C-alpha atoms as a PDB file:
ATOM      1  CA  MET A   1      17.910  -5.625  10.924  1.00  0.00           C
ATOM      2  CA  LEU A   2      14.289  -4.603  10.814  1.00  0.00           C
ATOM      3  CA  LEU A   3      11.489  -6.937   9.281  1.00  0.00           C
ATOM      4  CA  THR A   4       8.708  -4.743   7.945  1.00  0.00           C
ATOM      5  CA  ILE A   5       5.448  -6.271   7.017  1.00  0.00           C
ATOM      6  CA  ASP A   6       2.855  -4.650   5.720  1.00  0.00           C
ATOM      7  CA  VAL A   7      -0.668  -7.273   4.973  1.00  0.00           C
ATOM      8  CA  GLY A   8      -2.863  -6.182   2.524  1.00  0.00           C
ATOM      9  CA  ASN A   9      -6.073  -7.256   1.587  1.00  0.00           C
ATOM     10  CA  THR A  10      -4.505  -9.296  -1.874  1.00  0.00           C
ATOM     11  CA  ASN A  11      -0.876  -9.531  -1.000  1.00  0.00           C
ATOM     12  CA  THR A  12       1.507  -9.187   1.381  1.00  0.00           C
ATOM     13  CA  VAL A  13       5.271  -7.842   1.435  1.00  0.00           C
ATOM     14  CA  LEU A  14       8.155  -8.091   3.152  1.00  0.00           C
ATOM     15  CA  GLY A  15      10.852  -5.555   3.511  1.00  0.00           C
ATOM     16  CA  MET A  16      14.366  -6.117   5.377  1.00  0.00           C
ATOM     17  CA  PHE A  17      16.341  -2.960   6.458  1.00  0.00           C
ATOM     18  CA  ASP A  18      19.936  -2.392   7.895  1.00  0.00           C
ATOM     19  CA  GLY A  19      19.475   1.147   8.749  1.00  0.00           C
ATOM     20  CA  GLU A  20      17.445   3.057   6.038  1.00  0.00           C
ATOM     21  CA  LYS A  21      18.487   1.009   3.213  1.00  0.00           C
ATOM     22  CA  LEU A  22      16.437  -1.791   1.981  1.00  0.00           C
ATOM     23  CA  MET A  23      18.187  -5.006   1.839  1.00  0.00           C
ATOM     24  CA  ALA A  24      15.157  -7.177   0.412  1.00  0.00           C
ATOM     25  CA  SER A  25      12.082  -7.468  -0.436  1.00  0.00           C
ATOM     26  CA  TRP A  26       8.801 -10.276  -0.904  1.00  0.00           C
ATOM     27  CA  ARG A  27       5.910 -10.460  -1.903  1.00  0.00           C
ATOM     28  CA  ILE A  28       3.785 -13.067  -1.301  1.00  0.00           C
ATOM     29  CA  LYS A  29      -0.340 -13.923  -1.490  1.00  0.00           C
ATOM     30  CA  THR A  30      -2.397 -13.178   1.507  1.00  0.00           C
ATOM     31  CA  ASP A  31      -4.520 -15.831   2.850  1.00  0.00           C
ATOM     32  CA  ALA A  32      -6.914 -15.316   5.813  1.00  0.00           C
ATOM     33  CA  ARG A  33      -6.947 -19.092   6.289  1.00  0.00           C
ATOM     34  CA  SER A  34      -3.501 -19.440   7.376  1.00  0.00           C
ATOM     35  CA  THR A  35      -2.283 -20.416  10.775  1.00  0.00           C
ATOM     36  CA  ALA A  36       0.702 -18.636  12.680  1.00  0.00           C
ATOM     37  CA  ASP A  37       2.461 -21.527  12.145  1.00  0.00           C
ATOM     38  CA  GLU A  38       2.144 -21.528   8.286  1.00  0.00           C
ATOM     39  CA  ILE A  39       2.642 -18.154   8.391  1.00  0.00           C
ATOM     40  CA  ALA A  40       6.051 -18.490  10.711  1.00  0.00           C
ATOM     41  CA  LEU A  41       7.528 -21.357   7.808  1.00  0.00           C
ATOM     42  CA  THR A  42       6.761 -19.143   4.947  1.00  0.00           C
ATOM     43  CA  PHE A  43       8.853 -16.000   7.062  1.00  0.00           C
ATOM     44  CA  ARG A  44      11.539 -18.061   7.877  1.00  0.00           C
ATOM     45  CA  GLY A  45      12.039 -19.771   4.655  1.00  0.00           C
ATOM     46  CA  LEU A  46      12.196 -16.496   2.748  1.00  0.00           C
ATOM     47  CA  LEU A  47      15.111 -15.001   5.808  1.00  0.00           C
ATOM     48  CA  GLN A  48      17.036 -18.003   6.124  1.00  0.00           C
ATOM     49  CA  GLU A  49      20.092 -16.609   3.977  1.00  0.00           C
ATOM     50  CA  HIS A  50      19.679 -13.222   5.344  1.00  0.00           C
ATOM     51  CA  PRO A  51      21.246 -11.887   8.767  1.00  0.00           C
ATOM     52  CA  PRO A  52      19.028 -12.437  11.894  1.00  0.00           C
ATOM     53  CA  ILE A  53      16.421  -9.625  12.582  1.00  0.00           C
ATOM     54  CA  THR A  54      16.414  -7.255  15.978  1.00  0.00           C
ATOM     55  CA  GLY A  55      13.196  -5.547  15.251  1.00  0.00           C
ATOM     56  CA  ILE A  56       9.420  -6.105  13.406  1.00  0.00           C
ATOM     57  CA  ALA A  57       7.263  -3.836  11.868  1.00  0.00           C
ATOM     58  CA  LEU A  58       4.105  -4.890  11.133  1.00  0.00           C
ATOM     59  CA  CYS A  59       0.580  -3.249  10.142  1.00  0.00           C
ATOM     60  CA  SER A  60      -2.799  -5.385   8.624  1.00  0.00           C
ATOM     61  CA  THR A  61      -6.044  -4.299   7.310  1.00  0.00           C
ATOM     62  CA  VAL A  62      -7.116  -8.179   7.554  1.00  0.00           C
ATOM     63  CA  PRO A  63      -7.867  -9.047  10.799  1.00  0.00           C
ATOM     64  CA  ALA A  64      -8.245 -12.972  10.414  1.00  0.00           C
ATOM     65  CA  VAL A  65      -4.573 -12.433   9.393  1.00  0.00           C
ATOM     66  CA  LEU A  66      -3.721  -9.958  12.222  1.00  0.00           C
ATOM     67  CA  ARG A  67      -4.913 -12.322  15.160  1.00  0.00           C
ATOM     68  CA  GLU A  68      -2.416 -15.204  13.506  1.00  0.00           C
ATOM     69  CA  MET A  69       0.310 -12.540  13.134  1.00  0.00           C
ATOM     70  CA  ARG A  70       0.521 -11.612  16.530  1.00  0.00           C
ATOM     71  CA  ILE A  71       0.265 -15.802  17.539  1.00  0.00           C
ATOM     72  CA  MET A  72       2.973 -16.275  15.538  1.00  0.00           C
ATOM     73  CA  LEU A  73       5.131 -13.430  16.936  1.00  0.00           C
ATOM     74  CA  VAL A  74       4.536 -14.248  20.602  1.00  0.00           C
ATOM     75  CA  LYS A  75       5.487 -17.914  19.224  1.00  0.00           C
ATOM     76  CA  TYR A  76       8.576 -17.684  17.398  1.00  0.00           C
ATOM     77  CA  PHE A  77       9.972 -13.927  17.908  1.00  0.00           C
ATOM     78  CA  ALA A  78       9.095 -13.275  21.786  1.00  0.00           C
ATOM     79  CA  ASP A  79      12.888 -12.308  22.152  1.00  0.00           C
ATOM     80  CA  ILE A  80      12.396  -9.255  19.349  1.00  0.00           C
ATOM     81  CA  GLN A  81      11.363  -5.869  19.497  1.00  0.00           C
ATOM     82  CA  THR A  82       7.877  -5.583  17.780  1.00  0.00           C
ATOM     83  CA  VAL A  83       6.027  -2.174  16.619  1.00  0.00           C
ATOM     84  CA  ILE A  84       2.470  -3.351  15.696  1.00  0.00           C
ATOM     85  CA  VAL A  85       0.510  -0.133  13.747  1.00  0.00           C
ATOM     86  CA  GLU A  86      -2.769  -0.133  15.683  1.00  0.00           C
ATOM     87  CA  PRO A  87      -5.010   3.103  17.570  1.00  0.00           C
ATOM     88  CA  GLY A  88      -2.598   4.202  20.080  1.00  0.00           C
ATOM     89  CA  THR A  89       0.859   3.358  18.345  1.00  0.00           C
ATOM     90  CA  LYS A  90       2.760   6.600  18.230  1.00  0.00           C
ATOM     91  CA  THR A  91       3.120   7.590  14.616  1.00  0.00           C
ATOM     92  CA  GLY A  92       3.578  11.042  14.679  1.00  0.00           C
ATOM     93  CA  VAL A  93       0.041  11.503  12.323  1.00  0.00           C
ATOM     94  CA  PRO A  94      -3.073  13.112  13.461  1.00  0.00           C
ATOM     95  CA  VAL A  95      -6.045  11.312  12.172  1.00  0.00           C
ATOM     96  CA  LEU A  96      -8.317  14.497  11.290  1.00  0.00           C
ATOM     97  CA  THR A  97     -11.077  12.147  10.236  1.00  0.00           C
ATOM     98  CA  ASP A  98     -14.951  11.857  11.606  1.00  0.00           C
ATOM     99  CA  ASN A  99     -13.593   8.652  13.093  1.00  0.00           C
ATOM    100  CA  PRO A 100      -9.949   8.076  12.881  1.00  0.00           C
ATOM    101  CA  LYS A 101      -9.971   4.426  14.493  1.00  0.00           C
ATOM    102  CA  GLU A 102     -11.807   2.944  10.998  1.00  0.00           C
ATOM    103  CA  VAL A 103      -8.798   4.830   9.135  1.00  0.00           C
ATOM    104  CA  GLY A 104      -6.955   1.645   7.514  1.00  0.00           C
ATOM    105  CA  THR A 105      -3.043   1.302   9.403  1.00  0.00           C
ATOM    106  CA  ASP A 106      -1.669   1.010   5.859  1.00  0.00           C
ATOM    107  CA  ARG A 107      -3.087   4.945   4.862  1.00  0.00           C
ATOM    108  CA  ILE A 108      -1.677   6.122   7.815  1.00  0.00           C
ATOM    109  CA  VAL A 109       1.766   4.570   7.535  1.00  0.00           C
ATOM    110  CA  ASN A 110       1.776   5.362   4.017  1.00  0.00           C
ATOM    111  CA  THR A 111       1.613   9.372   5.305  1.00  0.00           C
ATOM    112  CA  VAL A 112       4.235   9.497   7.462  1.00  0.00           C
ATOM    113  CA  ALA A 113       6.544   7.625   4.516  1.00  0.00           C
ATOM    114  CA  ALA A 114       4.925  10.515   2.252  1.00  0.00           C
ATOM    115  CA  TYR A 115       5.642  13.736   4.595  1.00  0.00           C
ATOM    116  CA  ALA A 116       8.871  12.785   5.338  1.00  0.00           C
ATOM    117  CA  LEU A 117       9.920  12.166   1.708  1.00  0.00           C
ATOM    118  CA  TYR A 118       8.044  14.592  -0.158  1.00  0.00           C
ATOM    119  CA  GLY A 119       6.419  16.904   2.711  1.00  0.00           C
ATOM    120  CA  GLY A 120       2.951  18.451   2.117  1.00  0.00           C
ATOM    121  CA  PRO A 121       0.450  18.907   0.814  1.00  0.00           C
ATOM    122  CA  SER A 122       0.390  16.186  -1.104  1.00  0.00           C
ATOM    123  CA  ILE A 123      -1.515  13.098  -2.389  1.00  0.00           C
ATOM    124  CA  VAL A 124      -0.626   9.193  -2.196  1.00  0.00           C
ATOM    125  CA  VAL A 125      -2.477   7.052  -4.094  1.00  0.00           C
ATOM    126  CA  ASP A 126      -1.914   3.577  -3.506  1.00  0.00           C
ATOM    127  CA  PHE A 127      -2.818   1.105  -6.238  1.00  0.00           C
ATOM    128  CA  GLY A 128      -3.983  -2.099  -4.577  1.00  0.00           C
ATOM    129  CA  THR A 129      -6.756  -3.761  -3.989  1.00  0.00           C
ATOM    130  CA  SER A 130      -8.706  -1.140  -3.793  1.00  0.00           C
ATOM    131  CA  THR A 131      -7.549   2.221  -5.145  1.00  0.00           C
ATOM    132  CA  ASN A 132      -6.719   4.669  -2.416  1.00  0.00           C
ATOM    133  CA  LEU A 133      -6.099   8.572  -2.718  1.00  0.00           C
ATOM    134  CA  ASP A 134      -4.692   9.486   0.867  1.00  0.00           C
ATOM    135  CA  VAL A 135      -3.952  13.574   1.719  1.00  0.00           C
ATOM    136  CA  VAL A 136      -1.656  14.884   3.371  1.00  0.00           C
ATOM    137  CA  SER A 137      -1.628  18.304   4.910  1.00  0.00           C
ATOM    138  CA  ALA A 138       1.065  20.534   5.055  1.00  0.00           C
ATOM    139  CA  LYS A 139       1.494  19.690   8.603  1.00  0.00           C
ATOM    140  CA  GLY A 140       1.395  16.016   8.108  1.00  0.00           C
ATOM    141  CA  GLU A 141      -2.092  15.064   9.046  1.00  0.00           C
ATOM    142  CA  PHE A 142      -4.260  12.744   7.002  1.00  0.00           C
ATOM    143  CA  ILE A 143      -7.278  14.617   6.526  1.00  0.00           C
ATOM    144  CA  GLY A 144      -9.017  12.392   4.561  1.00  0.00           C
ATOM    145  CA  GLY A 145      -9.152  11.108   0.738  1.00  0.00           C
ATOM    146  CA  ALA A 146     -10.640   8.628  -1.824  1.00  0.00           C
ATOM    147  CA  LEU A 147     -11.366   5.219  -2.318  1.00  0.00           C
ATOM    148  CA  ALA A 148     -12.193   3.238  -5.407  1.00  0.00           C
ATOM    149  CA  PRO A 149     -12.681   0.039  -6.801  1.00  0.00           C
ATOM    150  CA  GLY A 150      -9.338  -1.409  -7.951  1.00  0.00           C
ATOM    151  CA  ILE A 151      -7.723  -2.689 -11.429  1.00  0.00           C
ATOM    152  CA  GLU A 152      -7.917  -5.707 -11.131  1.00  0.00           C
ATOM    153  CA  ILE A 153     -11.346  -6.311  -8.764  1.00  0.00           C
ATOM    154  CA  SER A 154     -12.838  -4.359 -11.225  1.00  0.00           C
ATOM    155  CA  LEU A 155     -11.741  -6.171 -14.385  1.00  0.00           C
ATOM    156  CA  ASP A 156     -12.546  -9.054 -12.127  1.00  0.00           C
ATOM    157  CA  ALA A 157     -16.486  -8.234 -11.871  1.00  0.00           C
ATOM    158  CA  LEU A 158     -16.967  -6.975 -15.251  1.00  0.00           C
ATOM    159  CA  ALA A 159     -15.547 -10.789 -16.849  1.00  0.00           C
ATOM    160  CA  SER A 160     -17.643 -12.248 -14.426  1.00  0.00           C
ATOM    161  CA  ARG A 161     -20.445 -10.293 -14.810  1.00  0.00           C
ATOM    162  CA  ALA A 162     -19.947 -10.167 -18.549  1.00  0.00           C
ATOM    163  CA  ALA A 163     -20.497 -13.349 -20.555  1.00  0.00           C
ATOM    164  CA  ALA A 164     -18.484 -11.763 -24.000  1.00  0.00           C
ATOM    165  CA  LEU A 165     -15.715 -10.394 -22.054  1.00  0.00           C
ATOM    166  CA  ARG A 166     -12.773 -11.988 -20.325  1.00  0.00           C
ATOM    167  CA  LYS A 167      -9.690 -11.003 -18.680  1.00  0.00           C
ATOM    168  CA  VAL A 168      -6.959  -9.672 -20.623  1.00  0.00           C
ATOM    169  CA  GLU A 169      -3.271  -8.848 -19.918  1.00  0.00           C
ATOM    170  CA  LEU A 170      -2.610  -5.180 -18.263  1.00  0.00           C
ATOM    171  CA  VAL A 171      -0.330  -3.923 -20.718  1.00  0.00           C
ATOM    172  CA  ARG A 172      -0.594  -0.633 -23.103  1.00  0.00           C
ATOM    173  CA  PRO A 173      -2.991  -1.307 -26.093  1.00  0.00           C
ATOM    174  CA  ARG A 174      -1.872  -0.057 -29.593  1.00  0.00           C
ATOM    175  CA  ALA A 175      -4.222   3.362 -29.434  1.00  0.00           C
ATOM    176  CA  ALA A 176      -6.827   4.728 -27.121  1.00  0.00           C
ATOM    177  CA  ILE A 177      -9.930   3.348 -29.764  1.00  0.00           C
ATOM    178  CA  GLY A 178      -8.971  -0.471 -29.401  1.00  0.00           C
ATOM    179  CA  LYS A 179      -9.798  -2.522 -32.806  1.00  0.00           C
ATOM    180  CA  ASN A 180     -10.167  -5.454 -30.470  1.00  0.00           C
ATOM    181  CA  THR A 181     -11.813  -6.830 -27.780  1.00  0.00           C
ATOM    182  CA  VAL A 182      -9.005  -7.152 -25.622  1.00  0.00           C
ATOM    183  CA  GLU A 183      -7.482  -3.865 -26.602  1.00  0.00           C
ATOM    184  CA  ALA A 184     -11.034  -2.110 -25.612  1.00  0.00           C
ATOM    185  CA  LEU A 185     -10.498  -3.957 -22.506  1.00  0.00           C
ATOM    186  CA  GLN A 186      -6.780  -2.638 -21.891  1.00  0.00           C
ATOM    187  CA  SER A 187      -7.797   1.017 -23.004  1.00  0.00           C
ATOM    188  CA  GLY A 188     -10.744   1.077 -21.017  1.00  0.00           C
ATOM    189  CA  ALA A 189      -8.574  -0.509 -17.796  1.00  0.00           C
ATOM    190  CA  LEU A 190      -5.240   1.322 -18.580  1.00  0.00           C
ATOM    191  CA  TYR A 191      -6.357   5.023 -19.434  1.00  0.00           C
ATOM    192  CA  GLY A 192      -9.669   4.317 -17.794  1.00  0.00           C
ATOM    193  CA  PHE A 193      -8.124   4.195 -14.299  1.00  0.00           C
ATOM    194  CA  ALA A 194      -5.319   6.843 -15.293  1.00  0.00           C
ATOM    195  CA  GLY A 195      -8.297   9.413 -15.711  1.00  0.00           C
ATOM    196  CA  GLN A 196      -9.993   8.217 -13.017  1.00  0.00           C
ATOM    197  CA  VAL A 197      -7.195   8.946 -10.609  1.00  0.00           C
ATOM    198  CA  ASP A 198      -6.045  12.302 -12.954  1.00  0.00           C
ATOM    199  CA  GLY A 199      -9.658  13.506 -12.503  1.00  0.00           C
ATOM    200  CA  MET A 200      -9.512  12.682  -8.377  1.00  0.00           C
ATOM    201  CA  VAL A 201      -6.284  14.426  -7.942  1.00  0.00           C
ATOM    202  CA  GLU A 202      -7.028  17.482  -9.786  1.00  0.00           C
ATOM    203  CA  ARG A 203     -10.542  17.900  -7.491  1.00  0.00           C
ATOM    204  CA  ILE A 204      -8.528  17.507  -4.431  1.00  0.00           C
ATOM    205  CA  SER A 205      -5.620  19.592  -5.495  1.00  0.00           C
ATOM    206  CA  GLU A 206      -8.880  22.154  -5.884  1.00  0.00           C
ATOM    207  CA  GLU A 207      -9.680  21.759  -2.271  1.00  0.00           C
ATOM    208  CA  LEU A 208      -5.858  22.055  -1.264  1.00  0.00           C
ATOM    209  CA  ASP A 209      -5.362  25.092  -3.132  1.00  0.00           C
ATOM    210  CA  HIS A 210      -1.969  23.474  -4.122  1.00  0.00           C
ATOM    211  CA  VAL A 211       0.340  20.280  -3.720  1.00  0.00           C
ATOM    212  CA  THR A 212       3.734  19.624  -3.686  1.00  0.00           C
ATOM    213  CA  ALA A 213       3.444  15.926  -4.640  1.00  0.00           C
ATOM    214  CA  VAL A 214       1.186  12.923  -6.099  1.00  0.00           C
ATOM    215  CA  ILE A 215       3.268   9.571  -4.568  1.00  0.00           C
ATOM    216  CA  ALA A 216       2.108   6.558  -6.566  1.00  0.00           C
ATOM    217  CA  THR A 217       2.447   2.936  -4.646  1.00  0.00           C
ATOM    218  CA  GLY A 218       0.580  -0.091  -4.388  1.00  0.00           C
ATOM    219  CA  GLY A 219       1.730  -3.000  -6.239  1.00  0.00           C
ATOM    220  CA  LEU A 220      -0.330  -2.064  -9.594  1.00  0.00           C
ATOM    221  CA  ALA A 221       1.029   1.057  -9.654  1.00  0.00           C
ATOM    222  CA  SER A 222       3.663   0.416 -12.310  1.00  0.00           C
ATOM    223  CA  ILE A 223       0.952  -0.358 -14.849  1.00  0.00           C
ATOM    224  CA  VAL A 224      -0.777   3.420 -14.657  1.00  0.00           C
ATOM    225  CA  ILE A 225       1.822   5.883 -13.728  1.00  0.00           C
ATOM    226  CA  ASP A 226       3.450   6.654 -17.272  1.00  0.00           C
ATOM    227  CA  GLU A 227      -0.306   7.069 -18.786  1.00  0.00           C
ATOM    228  CA  SER A 228      -1.217   9.751 -16.041  1.00  0.00           C
ATOM    229  CA  ARG A 229      -0.072  13.251 -16.228  1.00  0.00           C
ATOM    230  CA  THR A 230      -0.747  14.130 -12.401  1.00  0.00           C
ATOM    231  CA  ILE A 231       1.494  11.326 -10.920  1.00  0.00           C
ATOM    232  CA  THR A 232       4.625  12.880 -10.174  1.00  0.00           C
ATOM    233  CA  HIS A 233       6.463  10.494  -7.880  1.00  0.00           C
ATOM    234  CA  HIS A 234       6.854   6.189  -7.793  1.00  0.00           C
ATOM    235  CA  GLU A 235       7.666   4.801  -4.624  1.00  0.00           C
ATOM    236  CA  PRO A 236       6.818   1.526  -4.782  1.00  0.00           C
ATOM    237  CA  ASP A 237       8.208   0.815  -0.730  1.00  0.00           C
ATOM    238  CA  LEU A 238       6.110   3.578   0.491  1.00  0.00           C
ATOM    239  CA  THR A 239       4.684   1.745   3.067  1.00  0.00           C
ATOM    240  CA  LEU A 240       7.673  -0.101   4.077  1.00  0.00           C
ATOM    241  CA  ILE A 241       9.650   2.829   4.629  1.00  0.00           C
ATOM    242  CA  GLY A 242       6.890   4.359   6.661  1.00  0.00           C
ATOM    243  CA  LEU A 243       6.963   1.217   8.759  1.00  0.00           C
ATOM    244  CA  ARG A 244      10.122   1.723   9.349  1.00  0.00           C
ATOM    245  CA  LEU A 245       9.826   5.535  10.972  1.00  0.00           C
ATOM    246  CA  VAL A 246       7.265   4.486  12.953  1.00  0.00           C
ATOM    247  CA  PHE A 247       9.025   1.230  14.594  1.00  0.00           C
ATOM    248  CA  GLU A 248      11.644   4.193  14.617  1.00  0.00           C
ATOM    249  CA  ARG A 249       9.443   6.868  17.010  1.00  0.00           C
ATOM    250  CA  ASN A 250       8.288   3.873  19.239  1.00  0.00           C
ATOM    251  CA  THR A 251      11.629   2.735  20.212  1.00  0.00           C
ATOM    252  CA  SER A 252      13.833   5.388  20.053  1.00  0.00           C
ATOM    253  CA  GLU A 253      13.685   5.583  23.716  1.00  0.00           C
END
């Protein structure tokens, strides 16, 4: 059994694979103040009703959590084969950017999975703390992309800076023309972010000549995908699948 761990700025997502099959997954909040012992306690509570794990694959965009994860792995899982995705890890993805080391490991892992599942050229739209558009070439290379503020942090900023506005539930309003403040906010968030993604996908597609797939992933993807005209696939477990593939590439021998 392989445990995959994707540490994001807001949430940490865990998945347990039996071969290629995802048997279970969990989403917990990311807390940069958590110690290695606290993380281990949480993980053991989640895993206690499942078969023992035989491998771990990890990527993290939060340095403080990654440090504690390393301590936890040494202290509690020292006898288990572990792959941490970082510069130097064999991913099979050439990173064709000005500074490859600054590219988030989750974006590389998503590229691995997107190319394996859908080929290229393709675009991964990751709806998380930030909205990431990652571009995969026809050869499976990571060639760059775009970053924008995520849906939730944008709404949080709006509510904190505008005295008459507040946070609202992210659901489809009756119409694009909101008849009250709540509907107006829902319209701007839902249709506005869908339009942002569609506009960026269209611009990127023009630069690539054609795109075979536009894959949505991330915790907030389900909110937007039905309103987007350019997203062709929804794969909520894309990063976990990519971690499984990277683990296999580094342990196959």
